[in-house]
Amino acid sequence: MLKNLSYKKKNQLLLLIAVSMMLIIYNFAIKRTIEVIKSVNAGSEQLEIASNAPQAAEQLKKELKLIDSKIGTLNPKELNNEQALLELVTEYCQSQKAILREFPKTTIHEQGELIIETNNFLVQGNFNTLLNLVYILEQKSKLGKISSVKYQLKKDFKSKEMILTASIYIQKIKKKSNE
């Protein structure tokens, strides 16, 4: 049967047999070897990650303590933050001849395990007095973080004069377990 075929046909048949043998060899030997090598590499990477797990866990604990300490530095000993803020602003206004226009009730918002207390108040005075009050609240007192300050120049209808006011928002974040 092979004697009747030309050299061209014999070469084509040989090439076809060689390609099919290569595919069979790849499927049964080389493919499995490559899969084993990949699984060994993945296993060694997981082993390396597992060996570094205690250090990573310790680092995460440190970061969590740092975050907790930042949340906790907002004067956790103070039971009534609103009262302390009112006293501070009132004393400042009396000493600097400013006027405390509004001091609404504290709004409390719960988000997950955190409680966010927001105090806002309106103070009237000159620019330097208002700016100094913001500086004291932001840098010297630990009653919360100033989230917003809005300066507004408006006309007072009773005295018919222009007055400068500052609407100040202070937020304090606490953990529920701290209370």
N, C-alpha and C. Protein backbone atom coordinates (compact mmCIF):
# COMPACT_ATOMS: atom_id res chain seq x y z
N MET A 1 0.81 -1.18 0.00
CA MET A 1 0.00 0.00 0.00
C MET A 1 0.86 1.25 0.00
N LEU A 2 1.92 1.28 0.78
CA LEU A 2 2.80 2.46 0.79
C LEU A 2 3.65 2.54 -0.47
N LYS A 3 3.82 1.39 -1.17
CA LYS A 3 4.65 1.41 -2.37
C LYS A 3 3.95 2.14 -3.51
N ASN A 4 2.67 2.16 -3.51
CA ASN A 4 1.93 2.80 -4.59
C ASN A 4 1.85 4.31 -4.41
N LEU A 5 2.18 4.84 -3.22
CA LEU A 5 2.10 6.28 -2.96
C LEU A 5 3.35 6.99 -3.42
N SER A 6 3.16 8.22 -3.84
CA SER A 6 4.31 9.02 -4.26
C SER A 6 5.02 9.58 -3.01
N TYR A 7 6.22 10.10 -3.25
CA TYR A 7 6.98 10.67 -2.14
C TYR A 7 6.24 11.88 -1.53
N LYS A 8 5.56 12.61 -2.32
CA LYS A 8 4.82 13.78 -1.83
C LYS A 8 3.71 13.32 -0.88
N LYS A 9 2.96 12.28 -1.23
CA LYS A 9 1.90 11.75 -0.39
C LYS A 9 2.47 11.11 0.86
N LYS A 10 3.62 10.42 0.70
CA LYS A 10 4.26 9.79 1.86
C LYS A 10 4.70 10.87 2.86
N ASN A 11 5.24 11.97 2.36
CA ASN A 11 5.69 13.06 3.24
C ASN A 11 4.50 13.72 3.94
N GLN A 12 3.41 13.88 3.24
CA GLN A 12 2.22 14.47 3.85
C GLN A 12 1.66 13.56 4.94
N LEU A 13 1.65 12.24 4.65
CA LEU A 13 1.19 11.27 5.63
C LEU A 13 2.11 11.26 6.85
N LEU A 14 3.41 11.34 6.63
CA LEU A 14 4.38 11.39 7.72
C LEU A 14 4.19 12.66 8.57
N LEU A 15 3.94 13.75 7.91
CA LEU A 15 3.71 15.01 8.61
C LEU A 15 2.43 14.94 9.45
N LEU A 16 1.39 14.35 8.91
CA LEU A 16 0.14 14.19 9.63
C LEU A 16 0.31 13.29 10.86
N ILE A 17 1.05 12.20 10.69
CA ILE A 17 1.32 11.29 11.81
C ILE A 17 2.17 12.00 12.87
N ALA A 18 3.15 12.80 12.46
CA ALA A 18 4.02 13.51 13.40
C ALA A 18 3.23 14.53 14.21
N VAL A 19 2.33 15.26 13.55
CA VAL A 19 1.53 16.27 14.24
C VAL A 19 0.59 15.59 15.23
N SER A 20 -0.05 14.48 14.81
CA SER A 20 -0.95 13.79 15.73
C SER A 20 -0.19 13.19 16.91
N MET A 21 1.02 12.69 16.70
CA MET A 21 1.84 12.17 17.80
C MET A 21 2.24 13.30 18.76
N MET A 22 2.55 14.47 18.21
CA MET A 22 2.89 15.61 19.07
C MET A 22 1.71 16.00 19.95
N LEU A 23 0.50 16.04 19.39
CA LEU A 23 -0.69 16.38 20.16
C LEU A 23 -0.95 15.34 21.25
N ILE A 24 -0.78 14.08 20.92
CA ILE A 24 -0.98 13.03 21.91
C ILE A 24 0.05 13.14 23.02
N ILE A 25 1.31 13.36 22.67
CA ILE A 25 2.37 13.49 23.68
C ILE A 25 2.10 14.73 24.56
N TYR A 26 1.68 15.84 23.93
CA TYR A 26 1.39 17.05 24.70
C TYR A 26 0.25 16.81 25.68
N ASN A 27 -0.83 16.21 25.22
CA ASN A 27 -2.00 15.99 26.08
C ASN A 27 -1.71 15.04 27.24
N PHE A 28 -0.92 14.01 27.01
CA PHE A 28 -0.71 13.02 28.06
C PHE A 28 0.49 13.31 28.96
N ALA A 29 1.49 14.04 28.49
CA ALA A 29 2.69 14.23 29.30
C ALA A 29 2.96 15.70 29.63
N ILE A 30 3.09 16.51 28.65
CA ILE A 30 3.54 17.89 28.85
C ILE A 30 2.46 18.73 29.54
N LYS A 31 1.20 18.56 29.15
CA LYS A 31 0.12 19.35 29.73
C LYS A 31 0.00 19.11 31.23
N ARG A 32 0.08 17.88 31.64
CA ARG A 32 0.00 17.55 33.07
C ARG A 32 1.20 18.11 33.83
N THR A 33 2.36 18.06 33.21
CA THR A 33 3.56 18.59 33.85
C THR A 33 3.42 20.11 34.07
N ILE A 34 2.90 20.81 33.08
CA ILE A 34 2.72 22.26 33.21
C ILE A 34 1.70 22.57 34.31
N GLU A 35 0.61 21.80 34.40
CA GLU A 35 -0.38 22.01 35.45
C GLU A 35 0.21 21.76 36.83
N VAL A 36 1.04 20.74 36.95
CA VAL A 36 1.69 20.45 38.24
C VAL A 36 2.63 21.58 38.63
N ILE A 37 3.37 22.11 37.67
CA ILE A 37 4.30 23.21 37.95
C ILE A 37 3.53 24.45 38.41
N LYS A 38 2.40 24.75 37.74
CA LYS A 38 1.58 25.90 38.15
C LYS A 38 1.02 25.71 39.55
N SER A 39 0.55 24.50 39.87
CA SER A 39 -0.01 24.27 41.21
C SER A 39 1.08 24.34 42.28
N VAL A 40 2.29 23.88 41.97
CA VAL A 40 3.39 23.98 42.93
C VAL A 40 3.74 25.44 43.17
N ASN A 41 3.78 26.24 42.10
CA ASN A 41 4.08 27.67 42.27
C ASN A 41 2.99 28.37 43.08
N ALA A 42 1.73 28.05 42.81
CA ALA A 42 0.63 28.65 43.58
C ALA A 42 0.70 28.22 45.04
N GLY A 43 1.03 26.96 45.28
CA GLY A 43 1.16 26.47 46.65
C GLY A 43 2.29 27.15 47.39
N SER A 44 3.41 27.37 46.70
CA SER A 44 4.54 28.04 47.37
C SER A 44 4.21 29.50 47.66
N GLU A 45 3.44 30.15 46.77
CA GLU A 45 3.02 31.53 47.04
C GLU A 45 2.08 31.58 48.25
N GLN A 46 1.16 30.64 48.33
CA GLN A 46 0.25 30.59 49.47
C GLN A 46 1.01 30.28 50.75
N LEU A 47 2.01 29.44 50.67
CA LEU A 47 2.82 29.13 51.84
C LEU A 47 3.58 30.37 52.31
N GLU A 48 4.07 31.15 51.37
CA GLU A 48 4.78 32.38 51.73
C GLU A 48 3.82 33.38 52.36
N ILE A 49 2.62 33.48 51.81
CA ILE A 49 1.61 34.39 52.39
C ILE A 49 1.24 33.91 53.78
N ALA A 50 1.08 32.62 53.94
CA ALA A 50 0.71 32.06 55.26
C ALA A 50 1.83 32.27 56.27
N SER A 51 3.08 32.21 55.83
CA SER A 51 4.18 32.43 56.78
C SER A 51 4.26 33.89 57.21
N ASN A 52 3.77 34.81 56.35
CA ASN A 52 3.77 36.23 56.69
C ASN A 52 2.46 36.66 57.35
N ALA A 53 1.53 35.75 57.52
CA ALA A 53 0.22 36.08 58.07
C ALA A 53 0.28 36.66 59.49
N PRO A 54 1.06 36.11 60.40
CA PRO A 54 1.11 36.71 61.74
C PRO A 54 1.61 38.16 61.72
N GLN A 55 2.60 38.44 60.88
CA GLN A 55 3.12 39.80 60.79
C GLN A 55 2.07 40.73 60.20
N ALA A 56 1.35 40.25 59.17
CA ALA A 56 0.31 41.07 58.56
C ALA A 56 -0.84 41.31 59.54
N ALA A 57 -1.19 40.30 60.31
CA ALA A 57 -2.25 40.44 61.31
C ALA A 57 -1.84 41.44 62.39
N GLU A 58 -0.59 41.38 62.80
CA GLU A 58 -0.09 42.32 63.81
C GLU A 58 -0.11 43.75 63.27
N GLN A 59 0.26 43.92 61.99
CA GLN A 59 0.24 45.24 61.37
C GLN A 59 -1.20 45.78 61.30
N LEU A 60 -2.14 44.92 60.95
CA LEU A 60 -3.54 45.35 60.89
C LEU A 60 -4.07 45.71 62.28
N LYS A 61 -3.64 44.98 63.30
CA LYS A 61 -4.05 45.30 64.67
C LYS A 61 -3.52 46.67 65.08
N LYS A 62 -2.27 46.96 64.69
CA LYS A 62 -1.68 48.26 65.01
C LYS A 62 -2.46 49.38 64.32
N GLU A 63 -2.81 49.17 63.06
CA GLU A 63 -3.58 50.17 62.33
C GLU A 63 -4.96 50.37 62.96
N LEU A 64 -5.58 49.29 63.39
CA LEU A 64 -6.88 49.37 64.05
C LEU A 64 -6.78 50.13 65.38
N LYS A 65 -5.71 49.86 66.15
CA LYS A 65 -5.51 50.60 67.40
C LYS A 65 -5.30 52.07 67.14
N LEU A 66 -4.56 52.38 66.07
CA LEU A 66 -4.32 53.78 65.71
C LEU A 66 -5.63 54.48 65.37
N ILE A 67 -6.48 53.82 64.60
CA ILE A 67 -7.77 54.39 64.24
C ILE A 67 -8.63 54.55 65.49
N ASP A 68 -8.64 53.53 66.35
CA ASP A 68 -9.41 53.63 67.59
C ASP A 68 -8.90 54.75 68.48
N SER A 69 -7.59 54.93 68.52
CA SER A 69 -7.04 56.00 69.36
C SER A 69 -7.41 57.37 68.79
N LYS A 70 -7.44 57.48 67.46
CA LYS A 70 -7.85 58.76 66.86
C LYS A 70 -9.31 59.06 67.16
N ILE A 71 -10.13 58.03 67.10
CA ILE A 71 -11.54 58.23 67.44
C ILE A 71 -11.67 58.54 68.92
N GLY A 72 -10.88 57.88 69.73
CA GLY A 72 -10.98 58.06 71.18
C GLY A 72 -10.36 59.33 71.69
N THR A 73 -9.52 60.04 70.92
CA THR A 73 -8.87 61.26 71.41
C THR A 73 -9.81 62.45 71.42
N LEU A 74 -11.02 62.27 71.02
CA LEU A 74 -11.94 63.40 70.97
C LEU A 74 -12.64 63.59 72.31
N ASN A 75 -11.88 63.52 73.41
CA ASN A 75 -12.36 63.79 74.75
C ASN A 75 -13.44 62.80 75.19
N PRO A 76 -13.10 61.51 75.34
CA PRO A 76 -14.11 60.53 75.74
C PRO A 76 -14.56 60.68 77.18
N LYS A 77 -13.80 61.40 78.02
CA LYS A 77 -14.18 61.57 79.42
C LYS A 77 -15.34 62.54 79.58
N GLU A 78 -15.51 63.40 78.59
CA GLU A 78 -16.57 64.40 78.65
C GLU A 78 -17.91 63.73 78.39
N LEU A 79 -18.80 63.78 79.38
CA LEU A 79 -20.08 63.11 79.24
C LEU A 79 -21.05 63.94 78.40
N ASN A 80 -21.03 65.25 78.56
CA ASN A 80 -21.95 66.10 77.84
C ASN A 80 -21.16 67.05 76.96
N ASN A 81 -20.92 66.64 75.74
CA ASN A 81 -20.12 67.41 74.81
C ASN A 81 -20.81 68.73 74.46
N GLU A 82 -22.12 68.71 74.36
CA GLU A 82 -22.88 69.91 74.02
C GLU A 82 -22.71 70.98 75.10
N GLN A 83 -22.77 70.57 76.36
CA GLN A 83 -22.62 71.51 77.47
C GLN A 83 -21.22 72.11 77.50
N ALA A 84 -20.21 71.28 77.30
CA ALA A 84 -18.83 71.77 77.31
C ALA A 84 -18.59 72.74 76.16
N LEU A 85 -19.14 72.43 74.99
CA LEU A 85 -19.00 73.33 73.84
C LEU A 85 -19.71 74.65 74.09
N LEU A 86 -20.89 74.59 74.66
CA LEU A 86 -21.64 75.80 74.97
C LEU A 86 -20.87 76.67 75.96
N GLU A 87 -20.29 76.06 76.98
CA GLU A 87 -19.51 76.82 77.96
C GLU A 87 -18.30 77.48 77.31
N LEU A 88 -17.59 76.74 76.45
CA LEU A 88 -16.40 77.29 75.80
C LEU A 88 -16.78 78.47 74.89
N VAL A 89 -17.81 78.30 74.10
CA VAL A 89 -18.21 79.38 73.18
C VAL A 89 -18.74 80.57 73.95
N THR A 90 -19.51 80.34 75.00
CA THR A 90 -20.06 81.43 75.80
C THR A 90 -18.94 82.23 76.47
N GLU A 91 -17.99 81.56 77.06
CA GLU A 91 -16.86 82.26 77.70
C GLU A 91 -16.08 83.06 76.67
N TYR A 92 -15.85 82.48 75.51
CA TYR A 92 -15.12 83.20 74.47
C TYR A 92 -15.90 84.43 74.01
N CYS A 93 -17.19 84.27 73.79
CA CYS A 93 -18.01 85.40 73.34
C CYS A 93 -18.03 86.53 74.38
N GLN A 94 -18.09 86.17 75.66
CA GLN A 94 -18.09 87.19 76.70
C GLN A 94 -16.76 87.92 76.76
N SER A 95 -15.66 87.20 76.60
CA SER A 95 -14.35 87.85 76.70
C SER A 95 -13.99 88.63 75.44
N GLN A 96 -14.53 88.28 74.29
CA GLN A 96 -14.15 88.93 73.04
C GLN A 96 -15.25 89.85 72.46
N LYS A 97 -16.30 90.07 73.23
CA LYS A 97 -17.41 90.93 72.81
C LYS A 97 -18.08 90.43 71.52
N ALA A 98 -18.24 89.13 71.42
CA ALA A 98 -18.97 88.53 70.29
C ALA A 98 -20.35 88.13 70.79
N ILE A 99 -21.23 87.80 69.86
CA ILE A 99 -22.61 87.44 70.22
C ILE A 99 -22.90 86.03 69.70
N LEU A 100 -23.37 85.21 70.61
CA LEU A 100 -23.80 83.86 70.23
C LEU A 100 -25.26 83.97 69.80
N ARG A 101 -25.52 83.88 68.51
CA ARG A 101 -26.87 84.08 67.96
C ARG A 101 -27.74 82.83 68.10
N GLU A 102 -27.21 81.67 67.72
CA GLU A 102 -28.00 80.44 67.76
C GLU A 102 -27.13 79.30 68.27
N PHE A 103 -27.75 78.42 69.02
CA PHE A 103 -27.08 77.19 69.46
C PHE A 103 -28.14 76.08 69.52
N PRO A 104 -28.48 75.50 68.33
CA PRO A 104 -29.52 74.46 68.31
C PRO A 104 -29.06 73.17 68.99
N LYS A 105 -30.01 72.30 69.20
CA LYS A 105 -29.75 71.02 69.86
C LYS A 105 -28.83 70.16 68.98
N THR A 106 -28.03 69.33 69.61
CA THR A 106 -27.11 68.42 68.92
C THR A 106 -27.89 67.38 68.13
N THR A 107 -27.44 67.15 66.89
CA THR A 107 -28.04 66.08 66.10
C THR A 107 -27.13 64.86 66.18
N ILE A 108 -27.74 63.69 66.36
CA ILE A 108 -26.99 62.45 66.51
C ILE A 108 -27.37 61.52 65.37
N HIS A 109 -26.34 60.99 64.71
CA HIS A 109 -26.54 60.06 63.59
C HIS A 109 -25.72 58.81 63.86
N GLU A 110 -26.38 57.65 63.77
CA GLU A 110 -25.68 56.38 63.98
C GLU A 110 -25.36 55.77 62.63
N GLN A 111 -24.10 55.33 62.50
CA GLN A 111 -23.67 54.70 61.26
C GLN A 111 -22.81 53.49 61.63
N GLY A 112 -23.38 52.31 61.53
CA GLY A 112 -22.66 51.10 61.91
C GLY A 112 -22.42 51.10 63.41
N GLU A 113 -21.16 50.96 63.80
CA GLU A 113 -20.81 50.98 65.22
C GLU A 113 -20.35 52.35 65.68
N LEU A 114 -20.55 53.36 64.86
CA LEU A 114 -20.12 54.71 65.20
C LEU A 114 -21.33 55.61 65.44
N ILE A 115 -21.15 56.56 66.33
CA ILE A 115 -22.15 57.58 66.60
C ILE A 115 -21.53 58.92 66.23
N ILE A 116 -22.19 59.66 65.37
CA ILE A 116 -21.69 60.96 64.92
C ILE A 116 -22.58 62.04 65.51
N GLU A 117 -21.98 62.86 66.38
CA GLU A 117 -22.70 63.98 66.99
C GLU A 117 -22.31 65.25 66.24
N THR A 118 -23.31 66.01 65.82
CA THR A 118 -23.05 67.25 65.08
C THR A 118 -23.65 68.42 65.85
N ASN A 119 -22.80 69.37 66.19
CA ASN A 119 -23.23 70.61 66.84
C ASN A 119 -23.03 71.74 65.84
N ASN A 120 -24.00 72.59 65.72
CA ASN A 120 -23.81 73.79 64.91
C ASN A 120 -24.30 74.99 65.69
N PHE A 121 -23.64 76.11 65.47
CA PHE A 121 -24.03 77.34 66.16
C PHE A 121 -23.64 78.53 65.30
N LEU A 122 -24.25 79.65 65.59
CA LEU A 122 -24.05 80.88 64.83
C LEU A 122 -23.51 81.95 65.77
N VAL A 123 -22.38 82.52 65.41
CA VAL A 123 -21.73 83.53 66.23
C VAL A 123 -21.57 84.79 65.40
N GLN A 124 -21.80 85.95 66.04
CA GLN A 124 -21.66 87.24 65.37
C GLN A 124 -20.48 87.98 65.97
N GLY A 125 -19.69 88.63 65.13
CA GLY A 125 -18.55 89.42 65.59
C GLY A 125 -17.74 89.90 64.42
N ASN A 126 -16.56 90.46 64.72
CA ASN A 126 -15.71 90.88 63.61
C ASN A 126 -14.91 89.66 63.10
N PHE A 127 -14.26 89.85 61.96
CA PHE A 127 -13.62 88.71 61.30
C PHE A 127 -12.52 88.09 62.17
N ASN A 128 -11.69 88.93 62.80
CA ASN A 128 -10.60 88.40 63.63
C ASN A 128 -11.13 87.60 64.82
N THR A 129 -12.19 88.08 65.42
CA THR A 129 -12.79 87.38 66.56
C THR A 129 -13.33 86.02 66.14
N LEU A 130 -14.05 86.00 65.02
CA LEU A 130 -14.62 84.74 64.53
C LEU A 130 -13.52 83.76 64.10
N LEU A 131 -12.50 84.30 63.45
CA LEU A 131 -11.40 83.44 63.01
C LEU A 131 -10.64 82.87 64.20
N ASN A 132 -10.45 83.65 65.24
CA ASN A 132 -9.78 83.18 66.45
C ASN A 132 -10.61 82.10 67.15
N LEU A 133 -11.94 82.26 67.15
CA LEU A 133 -12.81 81.23 67.73
C LEU A 133 -12.66 79.91 66.98
N VAL A 134 -12.64 79.99 65.66
CA VAL A 134 -12.47 78.77 64.86
C VAL A 134 -11.12 78.14 65.16
N TYR A 135 -10.09 78.96 65.31
CA TYR A 135 -8.75 78.44 65.63
C TYR A 135 -8.75 77.73 66.99
N ILE A 136 -9.38 78.33 67.97
CA ILE A 136 -9.43 77.71 69.31
C ILE A 136 -10.19 76.39 69.26
N LEU A 137 -11.31 76.37 68.56
CA LEU A 137 -12.09 75.13 68.47
C LEU A 137 -11.34 74.05 67.71
N GLU A 138 -10.58 74.44 66.71
CA GLU A 138 -9.90 73.48 65.86
C GLU A 138 -8.60 72.97 66.46
N GLN A 139 -7.82 73.86 67.07
CA GLN A 139 -6.48 73.51 67.50
C GLN A 139 -6.35 73.27 69.01
N LYS A 140 -7.06 74.02 69.81
CA LYS A 140 -6.83 73.95 71.26
C LYS A 140 -7.83 73.07 71.99
N SER A 141 -9.09 73.13 71.61
CA SER A 141 -10.07 72.29 72.31
C SER A 141 -10.18 70.96 71.60
N LYS A 142 -10.53 69.94 72.33
CA LYS A 142 -10.70 68.61 71.76
C LYS A 142 -12.18 68.21 71.85
N LEU A 143 -13.05 69.12 71.49
CA LEU A 143 -14.48 68.86 71.57
C LEU A 143 -15.03 68.27 70.28
N GLY A 144 -14.22 68.15 69.26
CA GLY A 144 -14.65 67.58 67.99
C GLY A 144 -13.85 68.19 66.85
N LYS A 145 -14.17 67.75 65.68
CA LYS A 145 -13.52 68.26 64.47
C LYS A 145 -14.46 69.24 63.79
N ILE A 146 -13.92 70.37 63.34
CA ILE A 146 -14.73 71.34 62.62
C ILE A 146 -14.93 70.81 61.21
N SER A 147 -16.20 70.59 60.86
CA SER A 147 -16.49 70.06 59.53
C SER A 147 -16.84 71.16 58.54
N SER A 148 -17.33 72.31 59.05
CA SER A 148 -17.70 73.38 58.13
C SER A 148 -17.77 74.71 58.89
N VAL A 149 -17.34 75.76 58.20
CA VAL A 149 -17.49 77.12 58.71
C VAL A 149 -17.98 77.98 57.54
N LYS A 150 -19.07 78.69 57.77
CA LYS A 150 -19.62 79.55 56.72
C LYS A 150 -19.70 80.97 57.26
N TYR A 151 -18.89 81.85 56.67
CA TYR A 151 -18.93 83.27 57.03
C TYR A 151 -19.96 83.94 56.14
N GLN A 152 -20.78 84.81 56.76
CA GLN A 152 -21.83 85.45 55.99
C GLN A 152 -21.99 86.90 56.46
N LEU A 153 -21.98 87.81 55.52
CA LEU A 153 -22.22 89.21 55.80
C LEU A 153 -23.66 89.52 55.42
N LYS A 154 -24.47 89.92 56.40
CA LYS A 154 -25.87 90.19 56.12
C LYS A 154 -26.33 91.42 56.89
N LYS A 155 -27.48 91.92 56.50
CA LYS A 155 -28.02 93.12 57.12
C LYS A 155 -28.93 92.74 58.27
N ASP A 156 -28.68 93.35 59.44
CA ASP A 156 -29.53 93.14 60.61
C ASP A 156 -30.70 94.11 60.49
N PHE A 157 -31.91 93.55 60.46
CA PHE A 157 -33.09 94.39 60.22
C PHE A 157 -33.46 95.24 61.43
N LYS A 158 -33.06 94.83 62.63
CA LYS A 158 -33.38 95.64 63.81
C LYS A 158 -32.49 96.88 63.89
N SER A 159 -31.16 96.67 63.73
CA SER A 159 -30.23 97.80 63.85
C SER A 159 -29.92 98.42 62.50
N LYS A 160 -30.36 97.81 61.42
CA LYS A 160 -30.14 98.29 60.06
C LYS A 160 -28.66 98.46 59.74
N GLU A 161 -27.83 97.59 60.30
CA GLU A 161 -26.39 97.60 60.05
C GLU A 161 -25.98 96.25 59.45
N MET A 162 -24.83 96.23 58.79
CA MET A 162 -24.28 94.99 58.25
C MET A 162 -23.54 94.25 59.38
N ILE A 163 -23.82 92.96 59.51
CA ILE A 163 -23.15 92.17 60.54
C ILE A 163 -22.49 90.95 59.88
N LEU A 164 -21.40 90.51 60.50
CA LEU A 164 -20.68 89.33 60.02
C LEU A 164 -20.97 88.18 60.99
N THR A 165 -21.42 87.07 60.43
CA THR A 165 -21.70 85.89 61.25
C THR A 165 -20.90 84.71 60.72
N ALA A 166 -20.66 83.77 61.62
CA ALA A 166 -20.01 82.51 61.24
C ALA A 166 -20.89 81.37 61.72
N SER A 167 -21.28 80.54 60.79
CA SER A 167 -22.04 79.33 61.13
C SER A 167 -21.02 78.19 61.19
N ILE A 168 -20.84 77.62 62.39
CA ILE A 168 -19.78 76.63 62.62
C ILE A 168 -20.41 75.28 62.92
N TYR A 169 -19.93 74.26 62.23
CA TYR A 169 -20.39 72.88 62.45
C TYR A 169 -19.23 72.07 63.02
N ILE A 170 -19.47 71.42 64.15
CA ILE A 170 -18.46 70.58 64.79
C ILE A 170 -19.02 69.17 64.91
N GLN A 171 -18.22 68.19 64.49
CA GLN A 171 -18.63 66.79 64.58
C GLN A 171 -17.71 66.03 65.51
N LYS A 172 -18.31 65.12 66.25
CA LYS A 172 -17.55 64.25 67.14
C LYS A 172 -17.97 62.82 66.84
N ILE A 173 -16.99 61.94 66.64
CA ILE A 173 -17.26 60.55 66.31
C ILE A 173 -16.89 59.69 67.52
N LYS A 174 -17.83 58.84 67.92
CA LYS A 174 -17.59 57.94 69.06
C LYS A 174 -17.98 56.54 68.65
N LYS A 175 -17.39 55.56 69.30
CA LYS A 175 -17.82 54.18 69.14
C LYS A 175 -18.97 53.92 70.09
N LYS A 176 -19.89 53.06 69.70
CA LYS A 176 -21.03 52.76 70.56
C LYS A 176 -20.59 52.12 71.87
N SER A 177 -19.51 51.34 71.83
CA SER A 177 -19.05 50.66 73.04
C SER A 177 -18.42 51.62 74.03
N ASN A 178 -18.02 52.83 73.59
CA ASN A 178 -17.41 53.81 74.49
C ASN A 178 -18.42 54.46 75.39
N GLU A 179 -19.68 54.37 75.03
CA GLU A 179 -20.69 55.10 75.83
C GLU A 179 -21.24 54.27 76.93
